[in-house]
Protein backbone atom coordinates (compact mmCIF):
# COMPACT_ATOMS: atom_id res chain seq x y z
CA MET A 1 0.08 -0.05 -0.08
CA ALA A 2 1.58 3.49 -0.83
CA SER A 3 2.23 5.68 2.05
CA THR A 4 0.00 9.00 2.16
CA ARG A 5 2.20 12.58 1.11
CA ARG A 6 2.04 13.03 5.30
CA GLU A 7 3.43 9.24 6.14
CA LEU A 8 6.00 9.27 3.32
CA VAL A 9 7.51 13.26 4.35
CA SER A 10 7.26 11.61 8.32
CA MET A 11 9.37 8.47 7.27
CA VAL A 12 11.86 10.51 5.29
CA LEU A 13 12.16 13.46 7.23
CA GLY A 14 11.85 11.89 10.62
CA ALA A 15 12.73 14.60 13.29
CA ALA A 16 15.38 16.53 11.26
CA ALA A 17 15.70 18.20 7.87
CA ALA A 18 19.39 17.65 7.89
CA ALA A 19 18.61 13.59 6.85
CA LEU A 20 17.81 14.94 3.23
CA VAL A 21 20.66 16.92 2.83
CA PRO A 22 23.63 14.47 0.75
CA LEU A 23 26.53 14.20 3.04
CA HIS A 24 29.11 16.26 0.75
CA PHE A 25 26.85 19.38 1.21
CA THR A 26 27.05 21.60 4.19
CA ARG A 27 23.37 22.75 4.74
CA ALA A 28 24.60 26.18 3.23
CA ALA A 29 25.90 24.84 0.34
CA TRP A 30 22.50 22.78 0.07
CA ALA A 31 20.18 25.67 0.38
CA ALA A 32 22.56 27.86 -2.17
CA SER A 33 22.05 24.49 -4.59
CA LEU A 34 18.21 25.08 -4.66
CA ARG A 35 17.41 25.84 -8.50
CA GLN A 36 16.83 29.15 -9.55
CA ARG A 37 15.42 30.94 -12.97
CA ALA A 38 15.72 34.29 -13.82
CA VAL A 39 13.13 36.96 -14.07
CA PRO A 40 13.08 38.07 -17.76
CA ALA A 41 12.61 41.58 -17.64
CA THR A 42 15.63 41.75 -15.33
CA GLY A 43 17.74 38.58 -15.00
CA GLU A 44 17.51 38.75 -11.20
CA PRO A 45 17.57 35.03 -10.07
CA ILE A 46 14.68 33.62 -8.27
CA PRO A 47 14.76 30.62 -6.27
CA VAL A 48 12.13 28.08 -8.19
CA ILE A 49 10.13 27.05 -5.05
CA GLY A 50 8.26 29.50 -3.27
CA MET A 51 5.31 29.89 -0.95
CA GLY A 52 1.37 31.21 -0.92
CA THR A 53 -0.04 32.32 2.12
CA SER A 54 -3.59 31.76 1.26
CA GLY A 55 -5.58 29.78 4.31
CA SER A 56 -2.26 28.62 5.68
CA PHE A 57 -0.97 31.83 7.29
CA ASP A 58 -4.89 32.55 8.34
CA VAL A 59 -4.25 32.23 11.96
CA GLY A 60 -4.76 33.84 15.11
CA ALA A 61 -2.65 35.91 17.36
CA SER A 62 -1.48 33.44 20.21
CA ALA A 63 1.94 32.26 20.18
CA GLN A 64 0.60 28.65 19.78
CA ALA A 65 -1.26 29.24 16.75
CA ARG A 66 1.92 30.90 15.20
CA ALA A 67 4.54 28.55 16.04
CA PRO A 68 4.26 26.16 13.21
CA LEU A 69 4.46 28.73 10.89
CA ARG A 70 7.70 29.93 12.33
CA GLU A 71 9.12 26.79 11.86
CA VAL A 72 7.83 26.94 8.39
CA LEU A 73 9.12 30.36 7.56
CA GLN A 74 12.59 29.15 8.96
CA ALA A 75 12.85 26.12 6.82
CA PHE A 76 11.63 28.14 3.93
CA VAL A 77 14.67 30.37 4.40
CA ASP A 78 16.89 27.94 5.77
CA GLY A 79 16.11 26.52 2.52
CA GLY A 80 17.50 28.83 0.05
CA ALA A 81 13.87 29.78 -0.67
CA SER A 82 12.91 33.48 -0.98
CA LEU A 83 9.62 34.44 -2.86
CA ILE A 84 6.54 34.53 -0.27
CA ASP A 85 2.76 35.19 -2.09
CA THR A 86 0.23 36.82 -0.05
CA ALA A 87 -2.69 39.04 -0.61
CA PRO A 88 -5.12 41.89 1.90
CA THR A 89 -8.13 39.30 1.34
CA TYR A 90 -6.21 36.19 2.61
CA GLY A 91 -7.73 36.96 5.90
CA ARG A 92 -4.83 37.54 8.67
CA ALA A 93 -2.36 36.31 6.61
CA GLU A 94 -0.63 39.62 5.65
CA ASP A 95 -0.59 40.49 9.86
CA VAL A 96 1.40 36.97 10.76
CA LEU A 97 3.73 37.29 7.86
CA GLY A 98 4.58 40.66 8.70
CA ASP A 99 5.20 39.93 12.32
CA LEU A 100 6.95 37.03 12.08
CA MET A 101 9.18 38.62 9.14
CA ALA A 102 9.60 41.42 11.80
CA GLN A 103 10.23 38.81 14.88
CA MET A 104 12.53 36.51 12.82
CA GLY A 105 14.43 39.73 11.36
CA ILE A 106 14.00 37.94 7.66
CA ARG A 107 12.63 40.54 5.74
CA ASP A 108 15.65 41.18 3.96
CA ARG A 109 15.52 37.72 2.94
CA ILE A 110 12.26 37.32 1.54
CA PHE A 111 11.10 38.32 -2.28
CA LEU A 112 7.59 39.97 -1.25
CA ALA A 113 4.74 39.75 -3.27
CA THR A 114 1.26 40.80 -2.63
CA LYS A 115 -1.27 42.00 -4.56
CA LEU A 116 -4.09 44.91 -5.05
CA SER A 117 -7.16 42.89 -4.47
CA GLY A 118 -11.11 43.27 -4.38
CA VAL A 119 -10.47 46.96 -4.86
CA THR A 120 -12.00 49.50 -7.72
CA GLY A 121 -10.35 52.78 -8.48
CA ARG A 122 -7.14 54.23 -7.92
CA GLU A 123 -7.67 55.76 -4.67
CA ALA A 124 -9.10 52.32 -3.19
CA GLY A 125 -6.09 51.02 -4.63
CA MET A 126 -3.87 53.08 -2.84
CA ARG A 127 -5.46 52.81 0.30
CA GLN A 128 -5.12 48.89 0.45
CA PHE A 129 -1.41 49.21 -0.68
CA GLU A 130 -0.76 51.61 2.09
CA HIS A 131 -2.58 49.23 4.76
CA SER A 132 -0.64 46.10 3.67
CA LEU A 133 2.90 47.89 3.89
CA GLN A 134 1.33 48.56 7.64
CA ARG A 135 0.75 44.92 8.05
CA LEU A 136 3.59 43.46 6.83
CA HIS A 137 5.92 45.69 8.60
CA THR A 138 8.09 46.95 5.34
CA ASP A 139 8.02 49.92 3.21
CA ARG A 140 8.05 48.14 -0.21
CA ILE A 141 7.66 45.20 -1.88
CA GLU A 142 9.34 43.43 -4.29
CA LEU A 143 6.40 42.73 -6.96
CA LEU A 144 2.59 44.20 -6.71
CA GLN A 145 -0.05 41.86 -8.59
CA VAL A 146 -3.64 42.96 -9.71
CA HIS A 147 -5.53 40.22 -8.01
CA ASN A 148 -8.34 38.31 -10.39
CA LEU A 149 -7.71 41.27 -12.87
CA ARG A 150 -10.47 43.24 -11.13
CA ASP A 151 -10.07 46.86 -12.43
CA TRP A 152 -6.59 45.75 -13.85
CA ARG A 153 -6.17 48.47 -15.97
CA THR A 154 -6.68 51.26 -13.27
CA GLN A 155 -4.74 49.15 -10.78
CA LEU A 156 -1.64 48.14 -12.62
CA ASP A 157 -1.72 51.76 -13.57
CA LEU A 158 -1.44 52.04 -10.22
CA ALA A 159 1.09 49.66 -9.49
CA ARG A 160 3.43 51.40 -12.25
CA ALA A 161 3.31 54.81 -10.42
CA LEU A 162 4.56 52.97 -7.14
CA ARG A 163 7.24 51.52 -8.89
CA GLN A 164 8.59 54.84 -9.91
CA MET A 165 7.94 56.05 -6.50
CA GLY A 166 10.66 53.07 -5.45
CA LYS A 167 7.89 51.40 -3.50
CA LEU A 168 8.34 48.06 -5.58
CA ARG A 169 10.13 46.34 -7.89
CA TYR A 170 7.63 44.29 -10.34
CA VAL A 171 4.24 44.69 -11.18
CA GLY A 172 1.89 41.52 -12.14
CA LEU A 173 -1.44 39.94 -13.02
CA THR A 174 -2.77 37.07 -11.58
CA HIS A 175 -5.85 34.70 -11.81
CA TYR A 176 -6.49 30.94 -10.58
CA LEU A 177 -9.18 30.04 -12.88
CA ASP A 178 -8.88 27.92 -16.52
CA SER A 179 -11.96 29.69 -17.56
CA ALA A 180 -9.91 33.40 -17.15
CA HIS A 181 -7.22 32.42 -19.03
CA ASP A 182 -8.18 34.11 -22.41
CA GLU A 183 -8.95 37.29 -20.34
CA LEU A 184 -5.85 37.12 -19.01
CA ALA A 185 -3.88 36.49 -22.19
CA GLU A 186 -5.59 39.84 -23.63
CA ALA A 187 -4.55 41.60 -20.29
CA MET A 188 -0.96 40.54 -20.48
CA ALA A 189 -0.69 41.64 -24.18
CA GLU A 190 -2.08 44.66 -23.77
CA GLY A 191 -0.71 45.55 -20.02
CA GLN A 192 2.94 44.01 -20.37
CA PRO A 193 3.36 42.99 -16.75
CA ASP A 194 6.45 42.07 -15.52
CA PHE A 195 4.66 38.75 -13.91
CA ILE A 196 1.68 36.58 -14.12
CA GLN A 197 0.32 34.01 -11.60
CA ILE A 198 -1.42 31.30 -12.85
CA ASN A 199 -3.04 27.98 -12.12
CA TYR A 200 -1.17 25.37 -13.30
CA SER A 201 -0.89 20.96 -12.35
CA VAL A 202 -0.42 17.59 -13.63
CA ALA A 203 -4.00 17.69 -13.73
CA SER A 204 -5.16 21.06 -14.96
CA ARG A 205 -2.81 21.70 -17.90
CA ASN A 206 -4.92 24.45 -19.91
CA ALA A 207 -2.09 26.95 -18.99
CA GLU A 208 0.13 24.96 -21.92
CA GLN A 209 -2.08 25.83 -24.52
CA ARG A 210 -1.79 29.94 -24.79
CA LEU A 211 -0.52 31.29 -21.34
CA LEU A 212 2.89 29.71 -20.79
CA PRO A 213 3.86 29.95 -24.58
CA MET A 214 2.94 34.00 -24.46
CA ALA A 215 4.79 33.99 -21.25
CA GLN A 216 7.64 32.86 -23.12
CA ASP A 217 7.28 34.95 -26.41
CA GLN A 218 6.41 38.15 -24.31
CA GLY A 219 9.43 37.58 -21.48
CA VAL A 220 6.98 37.45 -18.56
CA ALA A 221 8.02 35.95 -15.33
CA VAL A 222 5.59 32.79 -14.39
CA ILE A 223 4.45 32.04 -10.93
CA ILE A 224 2.15 29.06 -10.37
CA ASN A 225 -0.41 28.40 -7.97
CA ARG A 226 -2.65 25.27 -6.93
CA ALA A 227 0.12 23.09 -8.33
CA TYR A 228 -1.60 20.69 -5.65
CA GLU A 229 -5.07 21.13 -6.65
CA ASP A 230 -5.57 22.88 -3.24
CA GLY A 231 -4.71 19.39 -2.20
CA ARG A 232 -7.04 17.20 -4.08
CA ILE A 233 -4.64 16.24 -6.38
CA PHE A 234 -2.85 13.77 -3.77
CA ALA A 235 -6.47 11.70 -3.65
CA ARG A 236 -6.12 10.76 -7.13
CA VAL A 237 -2.44 8.57 -6.16
CA ARG A 238 -3.27 7.82 -2.64
CA ASP A 239 -3.12 3.79 -3.39
CA LYS A 240 -0.32 4.15 -5.71
CA GLU A 241 3.29 3.54 -5.28
CA LEU A 242 5.86 6.20 -6.72
CA PRO A 243 7.12 5.48 -10.36
CA GLY A 244 10.27 3.56 -10.50
CA TRP A 245 11.87 6.33 -12.43
CA ALA A 246 10.85 9.01 -9.41
CA SER A 247 14.67 8.18 -8.10
CA GLU A 248 16.14 9.17 -11.84
CA VAL A 249 14.30 12.70 -10.77
CA GLY A 250 15.64 12.76 -6.79
CA ALA A 251 11.91 12.67 -5.92
CA GLN A 252 10.97 11.05 -2.68
CA SER A 253 7.24 11.80 -2.79
CA TRP A 254 4.17 12.76 -4.90
CA GLY A 255 4.31 16.22 -3.99
CA GLN A 256 7.71 16.36 -4.98
CA LEU A 257 6.71 14.55 -8.65
CA PHE A 258 3.76 17.18 -8.57
CA LEU A 259 6.06 19.92 -7.97
CA LYS A 260 8.80 18.86 -10.43
CA PHE A 261 6.14 18.41 -13.26
CA VAL A 262 5.24 22.20 -12.58
CA LEU A 263 8.85 23.49 -13.01
CA SER A 264 9.82 20.92 -16.07
CA HIS A 265 7.89 23.70 -17.91
CA PRO A 266 10.42 26.15 -19.11
CA ALA A 267 8.06 29.11 -18.89
CA VAL A 268 7.60 28.41 -15.22
CA THR A 269 9.61 30.91 -13.06
CA VAL A 270 8.51 29.55 -9.57
CA VAL A 271 5.83 27.55 -7.94
CA ILE A 272 4.17 28.61 -4.49
CA PRO A 273 2.78 25.74 -2.66
CA ALA A 274 1.24 27.10 0.79
CA THR A 275 1.24 24.85 3.97
CA SER A 276 1.26 25.40 7.33
CA LYS A 277 3.32 22.13 8.19
CA PRO A 278 7.18 21.89 8.73
CA ASP A 279 7.55 19.07 7.06
CA HIS A 280 5.50 19.45 4.19
CA GLN A 281 7.66 22.73 3.56
CA ARG A 282 11.21 20.55 3.85
CA ASP A 283 9.44 18.16 1.50
CA ASN A 284 8.62 21.16 -1.27
CA LEU A 285 12.20 22.25 -1.12
CA GLN A 286 13.30 19.16 -1.90
CA ALA A 287 11.44 19.66 -5.44
CA GLY A 288 13.74 22.10 -6.19
CA HIS A 289 16.98 20.09 -6.47
CA GLY A 290 17.98 17.38 -8.94
CA PRO A 291 16.55 16.90 -12.23
CA LEU A 292 13.62 17.86 -13.71
CA LEU A 293 11.24 15.54 -15.44
CA ASP A 294 11.53 15.10 -19.09
CA GLU A 295 9.03 14.75 -21.34
CA ALA A 296 8.32 11.08 -21.25
CA GLN A 297 7.93 11.27 -17.52
CA ARG A 298 5.68 14.38 -17.76
CA GLU A 299 3.34 12.28 -19.60
CA ALA A 300 3.58 9.38 -17.43
CA LEU A 301 3.06 11.38 -14.24
CA ALA A 302 -0.23 12.51 -16.19
CA ALA A 303 -1.43 9.14 -16.94
CA LEU A 304 -0.77 7.78 -13.36
CA VAL A 305 -2.72 11.09 -11.87
CA GLY A 306 -5.34 10.36 -14.64
């Protein structure tokens, strides 16, 4: 019987992340070896494993509630990763992330991405952005995205103005549904963002048809959300063993294979799985090491997932 992700991660990781580091690597060297890809607009390298905060960071203010997230963040930065995606509409996620970054002194190690989310009009967008800076305990961010294309022309123009003011470095557009891909493609063509954020997984491959090739042609960085289909994808392989070729790409879990599938598309810059579990964070980071999937392996994995 195949193990669930949680069981497999527990077996492999035990109590310490050090068990995953090859003997000839120091921890620092292992973190430095995390695969990176360049932002097309500038050439800036970004580690390919990032992190989302939707759901996972929407917790209370108590030390007990936040303790696992502190460990998640520590594993993230110790593993060499940097891009964290959040939004003002993710409940308390900005507050929690901002508080923990400040307490841990790690803000300068984070490529911070948030959003203009659910607002209409320039003044509303500006108020929301200023509030986000307060919640995140920072005076600037790396990437500001227009969430789900809401009022995208006005909000993207505001984001560019904020960039001129030195408040951010990159602007982007996001969505999370296949049904919005055509609209996003049209907004990309007109708006010329530095980044897009889209849904893509071995079980949802619509982005391969238009958005990913367009991003390559247009020189747009791509952030991938929903690589695990909000966790539902694991049910499809619950009673299946890892394929024999998984070891060839250094994958020790289904989660690592799913992330490696996403990263094996050359248009993808970074994938942002969300988690509140430190062991899952370490497992996710492993996907950024070793070979990626070739075309035959990609199709074999898709067939296994069904």
